[in-house]
Amino acid sequence: KNEDILKSYLKENNNHFVYETKEGKLAITEYKKI
C-alpha cells in the first residue's frame, strides 16, 4: 500500500525466532512507499 500502520504483538521463542501472537508485546510500525 502507499502507506500503512502495522500493529501486532511479538514474542521470541527459545530459538531466537520472533513471531506474532496475542501473548506478545505490542509493536507499531508506520511506513510510506517511496
PDB file of all heavy atoms in Angstrom:
ATOM      1  N   LYS A   1       0.845  -1.191   0.000  1.00  0.00           N
ATOM      2  CA  LYS A   1       0.000   0.000   0.000  1.00  0.00           C
ATOM      3  C   LYS A   1       0.883   1.246   0.000  1.00  0.00           C
ATOM      4  O   LYS A   1       2.045   1.192   0.372  1.00  0.00           O
ATOM      5  CB  LYS A   1      -0.889   0.021   1.244  1.00  0.00           C
ATOM      6  CG  LYS A   1      -1.889  -1.111   1.338  1.00  0.00           C
ATOM      7  CD  LYS A   1      -2.675  -0.990   2.635  1.00  0.00           C
ATOM      8  CE  LYS A   1      -3.681  -2.106   2.798  1.00  0.00           C
ATOM      9  NZ  LYS A   1      -4.421  -1.993   4.096  1.00  0.00           N
ATOM     10  N   ASN A   2       0.303   2.362  -0.398  1.00  0.00           N
ATOM     11  CA  ASN A   2       1.075   3.611  -0.408  1.00  0.00           C
ATOM     12  C   ASN A   2       1.569   3.980   0.982  1.00  0.00           C
ATOM     13  O   ASN A   2       2.666   4.515   1.144  1.00  0.00           O
ATOM     14  CB  ASN A   2       0.246   4.747  -0.986  1.00  0.00           C
ATOM     15  CG  ASN A   2       0.083   4.615  -2.492  1.00  0.00           C
ATOM     16  OD1 ASN A   2       0.888   3.979  -3.158  1.00  0.00           O
ATOM     17  ND2 ASN A   2      -0.979   5.211  -3.018  1.00  0.00           N
ATOM     18  N   GLU A   3       0.770   3.684   2.000  1.00  0.00           N
ATOM     19  CA  GLU A   3       1.178   3.897   3.380  1.00  0.00           C
ATOM     20  C   GLU A   3       0.272   3.088   4.296  1.00  0.00           C
ATOM     21  O   GLU A   3      -0.857   2.750   3.942  1.00  0.00           O
ATOM     22  CB  GLU A   3       1.156   5.375   3.761  1.00  0.00           C
ATOM     23  CG  GLU A   3      -0.173   6.064   3.574  1.00  0.00           C
ATOM     24  CD  GLU A   3      -0.070   7.546   3.895  1.00  0.00           C
ATOM     25  OE1 GLU A   3       0.291   8.323   2.998  1.00  0.00           O
ATOM     26  OE2 GLU A   3      -0.338   7.918   5.065  1.00  0.00           O
ATOM     27  N   ASP A   4       0.802   2.789   5.487  1.00  0.00           N
ATOM     28  CA  ASP A   4       0.018   1.976   6.416  1.00  0.00           C
ATOM     29  C   ASP A   4       0.671   2.038   7.800  1.00  0.00           C
ATOM     30  O   ASP A   4       1.825   2.453   7.939  1.00  0.00           O
ATOM     31  CB  ASP A   4      -0.058   0.528   5.940  1.00  0.00           C
ATOM     32  CG  ASP A   4      -1.258  -0.211   6.516  1.00  0.00           C
ATOM     33  OD1 ASP A   4      -1.991   0.378   7.348  1.00  0.00           O
ATOM     34  OD2 ASP A   4      -1.464  -1.386   6.148  1.00  0.00           O
ATOM     35  N   ILE A   5      -0.106   1.634   8.804  1.00  0.00           N
ATOM     36  CA  ILE A   5       0.402   1.474  10.166  1.00  0.00           C
ATOM     37  C   ILE A   5       0.212   0.014  10.543  1.00  0.00           C
ATOM     38  O   ILE A   5      -0.914  -0.502  10.529  1.00  0.00           O
ATOM     39  CB  ILE A   5      -0.326   2.387  11.167  1.00  0.00           C
ATOM     40  CG1 ILE A   5      -0.157   3.863  10.779  1.00  0.00           C
ATOM     41  CG2 ILE A   5       0.193   2.150  12.581  1.00  0.00           C
ATOM     42  CD1 ILE A   5      -0.944   4.817  11.654  1.00  0.00           C
ATOM     43  N   LEU A   6       1.309  -0.667  10.865  1.00  0.00           N
ATOM     44  CA  LEU A   6       1.261  -2.081  11.215  1.00  0.00           C
ATOM     45  C   LEU A   6       1.269  -2.218  12.736  1.00  0.00           C
ATOM     46  O   LEU A   6       2.145  -1.685  13.409  1.00  0.00           O
ATOM     47  CB  LEU A   6       2.462  -2.824  10.626  1.00  0.00           C
ATOM     48  CG  LEU A   6       2.692  -2.651   9.116  1.00  0.00           C
ATOM     49  CD1 LEU A   6       3.924  -3.435   8.676  1.00  0.00           C
ATOM     50  CD2 LEU A   6       1.469  -3.074   8.325  1.00  0.00           C
ATOM     51  N   LYS A   7       0.277  -2.938  13.257  1.00  0.00           N
ATOM     52  CA  LYS A   7       0.196  -3.178  14.702  1.00  0.00           C
ATOM     53  C   LYS A   7       0.029  -4.669  14.945  1.00  0.00           C
ATOM     54  O   LYS A   7      -0.839  -5.316  14.354  1.00  0.00           O
ATOM     55  CB  LYS A   7      -0.989  -2.423  15.311  1.00  0.00           C
ATOM     56  CG  LYS A   7      -0.861  -0.914  15.274  1.00  0.00           C
ATOM     57  CD  LYS A   7      -2.048  -0.255  15.972  1.00  0.00           C
ATOM     58  CE  LYS A   7      -1.917   1.270  15.947  1.00  0.00           C
ATOM     59  NZ  LYS A   7      -3.059   1.932  16.643  1.00  0.00           N
ATOM     60  N   SER A   8       0.871  -5.218  15.799  1.00  0.00           N
ATOM     61  CA  SER A   8       0.759  -6.622  16.168  1.00  0.00           C
ATOM     62  C   SER A   8       1.497  -6.833  17.479  1.00  0.00           C
ATOM     63  O   SER A   8       2.145  -5.919  18.000  1.00  0.00           O
ATOM     64  CB  SER A   8       1.316  -7.535  15.070  1.00  0.00           C
ATOM     65  OG  SER A   8       2.693  -7.266  14.841  1.00  0.00           O
ATOM     66  N   TYR A   9       1.403  -8.050  18.010  1.00  0.00           N
ATOM     67  CA  TYR A   9       2.062  -8.395  19.260  1.00  0.00           C
ATOM     68  C   TYR A   9       3.138  -9.435  18.980  1.00  0.00           C
ATOM     69  O   TYR A   9       2.876 -10.446  18.317  1.00  0.00           O
ATOM     70  CB  TYR A   9       1.040  -8.913  20.274  1.00  0.00           C
ATOM     71  CG  TYR A   9       0.039  -7.860  20.677  1.00  0.00           C
ATOM     72  CD1 TYR A   9      -1.108  -7.634  19.908  1.00  0.00           C
ATOM     73  CD2 TYR A   9       0.241  -7.071  21.805  1.00  0.00           C
ATOM     74  CE1 TYR A   9      -2.023  -6.653  20.262  1.00  0.00           C
ATOM     75  CE2 TYR A   9      -0.670  -6.079  22.162  1.00  0.00           C
ATOM     76  CZ  TYR A   9      -1.799  -5.875  21.393  1.00  0.00           C
ATOM     77  OH  TYR A   9      -2.685  -4.896  21.742  1.00  0.00           O
ATOM     78  N   LEU A  10       4.351  -9.172  19.467  1.00  0.00           N
ATOM     79  CA  LEU A  10       5.500 -10.003  19.114  1.00  0.00           C
ATOM     80  C   LEU A  10       6.071 -10.726  20.338  1.00  0.00           C
ATOM     81  O   LEU A  10       6.111 -10.167  21.436  1.00  0.00           O
ATOM     82  CB  LEU A  10       6.599  -9.153  18.479  1.00  0.00           C
ATOM     83  CG  LEU A  10       6.211  -8.297  17.272  1.00  0.00           C
ATOM     84  CD1 LEU A  10       7.441  -7.572  16.736  1.00  0.00           C
ATOM     85  CD2 LEU A  10       5.548  -9.135  16.187  1.00  0.00           C
ATOM     86  N   LYS A  11       6.542 -11.950  20.083  1.00  0.00           N
ATOM     87  CA  LYS A  11       7.155 -12.760  21.136  1.00  0.00           C
ATOM     88  C   LYS A  11       8.314 -13.545  20.545  1.00  0.00           C
ATOM     89  O   LYS A  11       8.271 -13.941  19.380  1.00  0.00           O
ATOM     90  CB  LYS A  11       6.109 -13.715  21.732  1.00  0.00           C
ATOM     91  CG  LYS A  11       6.577 -14.464  22.970  1.00  0.00           C
ATOM     92  CD  LYS A  11       5.433 -15.280  23.564  1.00  0.00           C
ATOM     93  CE  LYS A  11       5.866 -15.998  24.840  1.00  0.00           C
ATOM     94  NZ  LYS A  11       4.739 -16.772  25.437  1.00  0.00           N
ATOM     95  N   GLU A  12       9.346 -13.793  21.337  1.00  0.00           N
ATOM     96  CA  GLU A  12      10.526 -14.532  20.878  1.00  0.00           C
ATOM     97  C   GLU A  12      10.546 -15.919  21.512  1.00  0.00           C
ATOM     98  O   GLU A  12      10.326 -16.070  22.720  1.00  0.00           O
ATOM     99  CB  GLU A  12      11.800 -13.782  21.257  1.00  0.00           C
ATOM    100  CG  GLU A  12      13.081 -14.438  20.757  1.00  0.00           C
ATOM    101  CD  GLU A  12      14.323 -13.636  21.129  1.00  0.00           C
ATOM    102  OE1 GLU A  12      14.179 -12.640  21.870  1.00  0.00           O
ATOM    103  OE2 GLU A  12      15.431 -14.010  20.687  1.00  0.00           O
ATOM    104  N   ASN A  13      10.819 -16.961  20.693  1.00  0.00           N
ATOM    105  CA  ASN A  13      10.895 -18.319  21.243  1.00  0.00           C
ATOM    106  C   ASN A  13      12.326 -18.663  21.654  1.00  0.00           C
ATOM    107  O   ASN A  13      13.238 -17.833  21.550  1.00  0.00           O
ATOM    108  CB  ASN A  13      10.332 -19.353  20.262  1.00  0.00           C
ATOM    109  CG  ASN A  13      11.148 -19.457  18.974  1.00  0.00           C
ATOM    110  OD1 ASN A  13      12.328 -19.093  18.927  1.00  0.00           O
ATOM    111  ND2 ASN A  13      10.515 -19.958  17.923  1.00  0.00           N
ATOM    112  N   ASN A  14      12.531 -19.878  22.107  1.00  0.00           N
ATOM    113  CA  ASN A  14      13.847 -20.303  22.605  1.00  0.00           C
ATOM    114  C   ASN A  14      14.908 -20.372  21.516  1.00  0.00           C
ATOM    115  O   ASN A  14      16.102 -20.413  21.806  1.00  0.00           O
ATOM    116  CB  ASN A  14      13.734 -21.655  23.296  1.00  0.00           C
ATOM    117  CG  ASN A  14      12.922 -21.579  24.583  1.00  0.00           C
ATOM    118  OD1 ASN A  14      12.854 -20.530  25.214  1.00  0.00           O
ATOM    119  ND2 ASN A  14      12.279 -22.681  24.952  1.00  0.00           N
ATOM    120  N   ASN A  15      14.485 -20.402  20.262  1.00  0.00           N
ATOM    121  CA  ASN A  15      15.418 -20.442  19.137  1.00  0.00           C
ATOM    122  C   ASN A  15      15.689 -19.051  18.564  1.00  0.00           C
ATOM    123  O   ASN A  15      16.195 -18.919  17.448  1.00  0.00           O
ATOM    124  CB  ASN A  15      14.873 -21.361  18.038  1.00  0.00           C
ATOM    125  CG  ASN A  15      14.802 -22.800  18.489  1.00  0.00           C
ATOM    126  OD1 ASN A  15      15.702 -23.302  19.163  1.00  0.00           O
ATOM    127  ND2 ASN A  15      13.704 -23.489  18.133  1.00  0.00           N
ATOM    128  N   HIS A  16      15.328 -18.010  19.317  1.00  0.00           N
ATOM    129  CA  HIS A  16      15.550 -16.610  18.924  1.00  0.00           C
ATOM    130  C   HIS A  16      14.752 -16.224  17.677  1.00  0.00           C
ATOM    131  O   HIS A  16      15.162 -15.336  16.922  1.00  0.00           O
ATOM    132  CB  HIS A  16      17.043 -16.325  18.708  1.00  0.00           C
ATOM    133  CG  HIS A  16      17.894 -16.718  19.872  1.00  0.00           C
ATOM    134  ND1 HIS A  16      17.804 -16.093  21.103  1.00  0.00           N
ATOM    135  CD2 HIS A  16      18.840 -17.682  20.002  1.00  0.00           C
ATOM    136  CE1 HIS A  16      18.660 -16.643  21.940  1.00  0.00           C
ATOM    137  NE2 HIS A  16      19.289 -17.615  21.313  1.00  0.00           N
ATOM    138  N   PHE A  17      13.631 -16.889  17.461  1.00  0.00           N
ATOM    139  CA  PHE A  17      12.745 -16.566  16.346  1.00  0.00           C
ATOM    140  C   PHE A  17      11.578 -15.757  16.894  1.00  0.00           C
ATOM    141  O   PHE A  17      10.913 -16.162  17.847  1.00  0.00           O
ATOM    142  CB  PHE A  17      12.242 -17.841  15.675  1.00  0.00           C
ATOM    143  CG  PHE A  17      11.433 -17.595  14.432  1.00  0.00           C
ATOM    144  CD1 PHE A  17      12.051 -17.440  13.205  1.00  0.00           C
ATOM    145  CD2 PHE A  17      10.048 -17.536  14.500  1.00  0.00           C
ATOM    146  CE1 PHE A  17      11.304 -17.224  12.055  1.00  0.00           C
ATOM    147  CE2 PHE A  17       9.292 -17.311  13.358  1.00  0.00           C
ATOM    148  CZ  PHE A  17       9.929 -17.157  12.135  1.00  0.00           C
ATOM    149  N   VAL A  18      11.333 -14.595  16.301  1.00  0.00           N
ATOM    150  CA  VAL A  18      10.260 -13.717  16.756  1.00  0.00           C
ATOM    151  C   VAL A  18       9.020 -13.951  15.903  1.00  0.00           C
ATOM    152  O   VAL A  18       9.109 -14.059  14.677  1.00  0.00           O
ATOM    153  CB  VAL A  18      10.695 -12.238  16.688  1.00  0.00           C
ATOM    154  CG1 VAL A  18       9.579 -11.321  17.191  1.00  0.00           C
ATOM    155  CG2 VAL A  18      11.964 -12.015  17.516  1.00  0.00           C
ATOM    156  N   TYR A  19       7.869 -14.017  16.548  1.00  0.00           N
ATOM    157  CA  TYR A  19       6.636 -14.295  15.816  1.00  0.00           C
ATOM    158  C   TYR A  19       5.486 -13.475  16.401  1.00  0.00           C
ATOM    159  O   TYR A  19       5.582 -12.940  17.516  1.00  0.00           O
ATOM    160  CB  TYR A  19       6.298 -15.783  15.859  1.00  0.00           C
ATOM    161  CG  TYR A  19       6.118 -16.354  17.250  1.00  0.00           C
ATOM    162  CD1 TYR A  19       4.847 -16.546  17.791  1.00  0.00           C
ATOM    163  CD2 TYR A  19       7.219 -16.695  18.038  1.00  0.00           C
ATOM    164  CE1 TYR A  19       4.672 -17.064  19.064  1.00  0.00           C
ATOM    165  CE2 TYR A  19       7.065 -17.219  19.316  1.00  0.00           C
ATOM    166  CZ  TYR A  19       5.784 -17.393  19.823  1.00  0.00           C
ATOM    167  OH  TYR A  19       5.622 -17.901  21.083  1.00  0.00           O
ATOM    168  N   GLU A  20       4.411 -13.377  15.641  1.00  0.00           N
ATOM    169  CA  GLU A  20       3.245 -12.607  16.061  1.00  0.00           C
ATOM    170  C   GLU A  20       2.290 -13.499  16.848  1.00  0.00           C
ATOM    171  O   GLU A  20       1.949 -14.597  16.419  1.00  0.00           O
ATOM    172  CB  GLU A  20       2.536 -12.018  14.837  1.00  0.00           C
ATOM    173  CG  GLU A  20       3.383 -10.988  14.091  1.00  0.00           C
ATOM    174  CD  GLU A  20       2.686 -10.396  12.882  1.00  0.00           C
ATOM    175  OE1 GLU A  20       1.998 -11.157  12.177  1.00  0.00           O
ATOM    176  OE2 GLU A  20       2.842  -9.193  12.652  1.00  0.00           O
ATOM    177  N   THR A  21       1.873 -12.996  18.008  1.00  0.00           N
ATOM    178  CA  THR A  21       0.949 -13.732  18.866  1.00  0.00           C
ATOM    179  C   THR A  21       0.284 -12.755  19.828  1.00  0.00           C
ATOM    180  O   THR A  21       0.881 -11.742  20.215  1.00  0.00           O
ATOM    181  CB  THR A  21       1.677 -14.827  19.672  1.00  0.00           C
ATOM    182  OG1 THR A  21       0.769 -15.398  20.621  1.00  0.00           O
ATOM    183  CG2 THR A  21       2.884 -14.264  20.412  1.00  0.00           C
ATOM    184  N   LYS A  22      -0.937 -13.046  20.222  1.00  0.00           N
ATOM    185  CA  LYS A  22      -1.653 -12.168  21.146  1.00  0.00           C
ATOM    186  C   LYS A  22      -0.990 -12.117  22.519  1.00  0.00           C
ATOM    187  O   LYS A  22      -1.237 -11.199  23.301  1.00  0.00           O
ATOM    188  CB  LYS A  22      -3.104 -12.636  21.287  1.00  0.00           C
ATOM    189  CG  LYS A  22      -3.926 -12.470  20.019  1.00  0.00           C
ATOM    190  CD  LYS A  22      -5.357 -12.933  20.226  1.00  0.00           C
ATOM    191  CE  LYS A  22      -6.183 -12.757  18.950  1.00  0.00           C
ATOM    192  NZ  LYS A  22      -7.577 -13.230  19.135  1.00  0.00           N
ATOM    193  N   GLU A  23      -0.136 -13.102  22.814  1.00  0.00           N
ATOM    194  CA  GLU A  23       0.543 -13.136  24.108  1.00  0.00           C
ATOM    195  C   GLU A  23       1.827 -12.292  24.114  1.00  0.00           C
ATOM    196  O   GLU A  23       2.538 -12.232  25.129  1.00  0.00           O
ATOM    197  CB  GLU A  23       0.904 -14.576  24.496  1.00  0.00           C
ATOM    198  CG  GLU A  23      -0.278 -15.440  24.900  1.00  0.00           C
ATOM    199  CD  GLU A  23      -1.131 -15.850  23.720  1.00  0.00           C
ATOM    200  OE1 GLU A  23      -0.547 -16.144  22.659  1.00  0.00           O
ATOM    201  OE2 GLU A  23      -2.374 -15.848  23.855  1.00  0.00           O
ATOM    202  N   GLY A  24       2.152 -11.660  22.996  1.00  0.00           N
ATOM    203  CA  GLY A  24       3.400 -10.902  22.900  1.00  0.00           C
ATOM    204  C   GLY A  24       3.258  -9.453  23.321  1.00  0.00           C
ATOM    205  O   GLY A  24       2.246  -9.038  23.884  1.00  0.00           O
ATOM    206  N   LYS A  25       4.309  -8.659  23.013  1.00  0.00           N
ATOM    207  CA  LYS A  25       4.334  -7.236  23.329  1.00  0.00           C
ATOM    208  C   LYS A  25       3.937  -6.414  22.099  1.00  0.00           C
ATOM    209  O   LYS A  25       4.293  -6.759  20.974  1.00  0.00           O
ATOM    210  CB  LYS A  25       5.735  -6.819  23.797  1.00  0.00           C
ATOM    211  CG  LYS A  25       6.145  -7.459  25.107  1.00  0.00           C
ATOM    212  CD  LYS A  25       7.533  -6.982  25.532  1.00  0.00           C
ATOM    213  CE  LYS A  25       7.927  -7.583  26.872  1.00  0.00           C
ATOM    214  NZ  LYS A  25       9.279  -7.138  27.319  1.00  0.00           N
ATOM    215  N   LEU A  26       3.216  -5.333  22.324  1.00  0.00           N
ATOM    216  CA  LEU A  26       2.714  -4.505  21.231  1.00  0.00           C
ATOM    217  C   LEU A  26       3.860  -3.907  20.422  1.00  0.00           C
ATOM    218  O   LEU A  26       4.821  -3.371  20.968  1.00  0.00           O
ATOM    219  CB  LEU A  26       1.844  -3.380  21.779  1.00  0.00           C
ATOM    220  CG  LEU A  26       1.291  -2.378  20.750  1.00  0.00           C
ATOM    221  CD1 LEU A  26       0.356  -3.064  19.762  1.00  0.00           C
ATOM    222  CD2 LEU A  26       0.580  -1.230  21.462  1.00  0.00           C
ATOM    223  N   ALA A  27       3.751  -4.008  19.089  1.00  0.00           N
ATOM    224  CA  ALA A  27       4.724  -3.413  18.171  1.00  0.00           C
ATOM    225  C   ALA A  27       3.967  -2.574  17.146  1.00  0.00           C
ATOM    226  O   ALA A  27       2.976  -3.035  16.571  1.00  0.00           O
ATOM    227  CB  ALA A  27       5.541  -4.498  17.476  1.00  0.00           C
ATOM    228  N   ILE A  28       4.448  -1.343  16.921  1.00  0.00           N
ATOM    229  CA  ILE A  28       3.788  -0.438  15.978  1.00  0.00           C
ATOM    230  C   ILE A  28       4.818   0.101  14.995  1.00  0.00           C
ATOM    231  O   ILE A  28       5.858   0.636  15.394  1.00  0.00           O
ATOM    232  CB  ILE A  28       3.116   0.740  16.709  1.00  0.00           C
ATOM    233  CG1 ILE A  28       2.130   0.233  17.763  1.00  0.00           C
ATOM    234  CG2 ILE A  28       2.411   1.657  15.708  1.00  0.00           C
ATOM    235  CD1 ILE A  28       1.538   1.330  18.621  1.00  0.00           C
ATOM    236  N   THR A  29       4.517  -0.059  13.714  1.00  0.00           N
ATOM    237  CA  THR A  29       5.421   0.382  12.649  1.00  0.00           C
ATOM    238  C   THR A  29       4.627   1.169  11.613  1.00  0.00           C
ATOM    239  O   THR A  29       3.631   0.669  11.092  1.00  0.00           O
ATOM    240  CB  THR A  29       6.086  -0.826  11.955  1.00  0.00           C
ATOM    241  OG1 THR A  29       6.809  -1.586  12.914  1.00  0.00           O
ATOM    242  CG2 THR A  29       7.028  -0.373  10.851  1.00  0.00           C
ATOM    243  N   GLU A  30       5.064   2.385  11.320  1.00  0.00           N
ATOM    244  CA  GLU A  30       4.473   3.170  10.237  1.00  0.00           C
ATOM    245  C   GLU A  30       5.361   3.075   9.004  1.00  0.00           C
ATOM    246  O   GLU A  30       6.585   3.036   9.127  1.00  0.00           O
ATOM    247  CB  GLU A  30       4.350   4.647  10.638  1.00  0.00           C
ATOM    248  CG  GLU A  30       3.420   4.913  11.787  1.00  0.00           C
ATOM    249  CD  GLU A  30       3.346   6.394  12.134  1.00  0.00           C
ATOM    250  OE1 GLU A  30       4.158   7.173  11.587  1.00  0.00           O
ATOM    251  OE2 GLU A  30       2.490   6.764  12.941  1.00  0.00           O
ATOM    252  N   TYR A  31       4.748   3.044   7.825  1.00  0.00           N
ATOM    253  CA  TYR A  31       5.584   3.079   6.625  1.00  0.00           C
ATOM    254  C   TYR A  31       4.894   3.866   5.516  1.00  0.00           C
ATOM    255  O   TYR A  31       3.667   4.025   5.504  1.00  0.00           O
ATOM    256  CB  TYR A  31       5.926   1.665   6.140  1.00  0.00           C
ATOM    257  CG  TYR A  31       4.816   0.947   5.382  1.00  0.00           C
ATOM    258  CD1 TYR A  31       4.598   1.181   4.019  1.00  0.00           C
ATOM    259  CD2 TYR A  31       3.998   0.028   6.025  1.00  0.00           C
ATOM    260  CE1 TYR A  31       3.592   0.528   3.325  1.00  0.00           C
ATOM    261  CE2 TYR A  31       3.003  -0.646   5.340  1.00  0.00           C
ATOM    262  CZ  TYR A  31       2.791  -0.381   3.995  1.00  0.00           C
ATOM    263  OH  TYR A  31       1.789  -1.032   3.304  1.00  0.00           O
ATOM    264  N   LYS A  32       5.723   4.338   4.581  1.00  0.00           N
ATOM    265  CA  LYS A  32       5.235   5.044   3.404  1.00  0.00           C
ATOM    266  C   LYS A  32       6.035   4.571   2.201  1.00  0.00           C
ATOM    267  O   LYS A  32       7.259   4.527   2.237  1.00  0.00           O
ATOM    268  CB  LYS A  32       5.415   6.555   3.586  1.00  0.00           C
ATOM    269  CG  LYS A  32       4.885   7.391   2.436  1.00  0.00           C
ATOM    270  CD  LYS A  32       5.035   8.880   2.735  1.00  0.00           C
ATOM    271  CE  LYS A  32       4.464   9.732   1.617  1.00  0.00           C
ATOM    272  NZ  LYS A  32       4.588  11.183   1.918  1.00  0.00           N
ATOM    273  N   LYS A  33       5.346   4.186   1.141  1.00  0.00           N
ATOM    274  CA  LYS A  33       6.024   3.722  -0.075  1.00  0.00           C
ATOM    275  C   LYS A  33       6.627   4.904  -0.813  1.00  0.00           C
ATOM    276  O   LYS A  33       5.975   5.925  -1.017  1.00  0.00           O
ATOM    277  CB  LYS A  33       5.044   2.975  -0.988  1.00  0.00           C
ATOM    278  CG  LYS A  33       5.687   2.409  -2.253  1.00  0.00           C
ATOM    279  CD  LYS A  33       4.758   1.432  -2.954  1.00  0.00           C
ATOM    280  CE  LYS A  33       3.483   2.096  -3.409  1.00  0.00           C
ATOM    281  NZ  LYS A  33       2.583   1.146  -4.102  1.00  0.00           N
ATOM    282  N   ILE A  34       7.886   4.764  -1.247  1.00  0.00           N
ATOM    283  CA  ILE A  34       8.540   5.863  -1.954  1.00  0.00           C
ATOM    284  C   ILE A  34       8.919   5.497  -3.387  1.00  0.00           C
ATOM    285  O   ILE A  34       9.234   6.359  -4.194  1.00  0.00           O
ATOM    286  CB  ILE A  34       9.802   6.328  -1.191  1.00  0.00           C
ATOM    287  CG1 ILE A  34      10.680   5.146  -0.804  1.00  0.00           C
ATOM    288  CG2 ILE A  34       9.422   7.126   0.030  1.00  0.00           C
ATOM    289  CD1 ILE A  34      11.912   5.528  -0.012  1.00  0.00           C
TER     290      ILE A  34
END
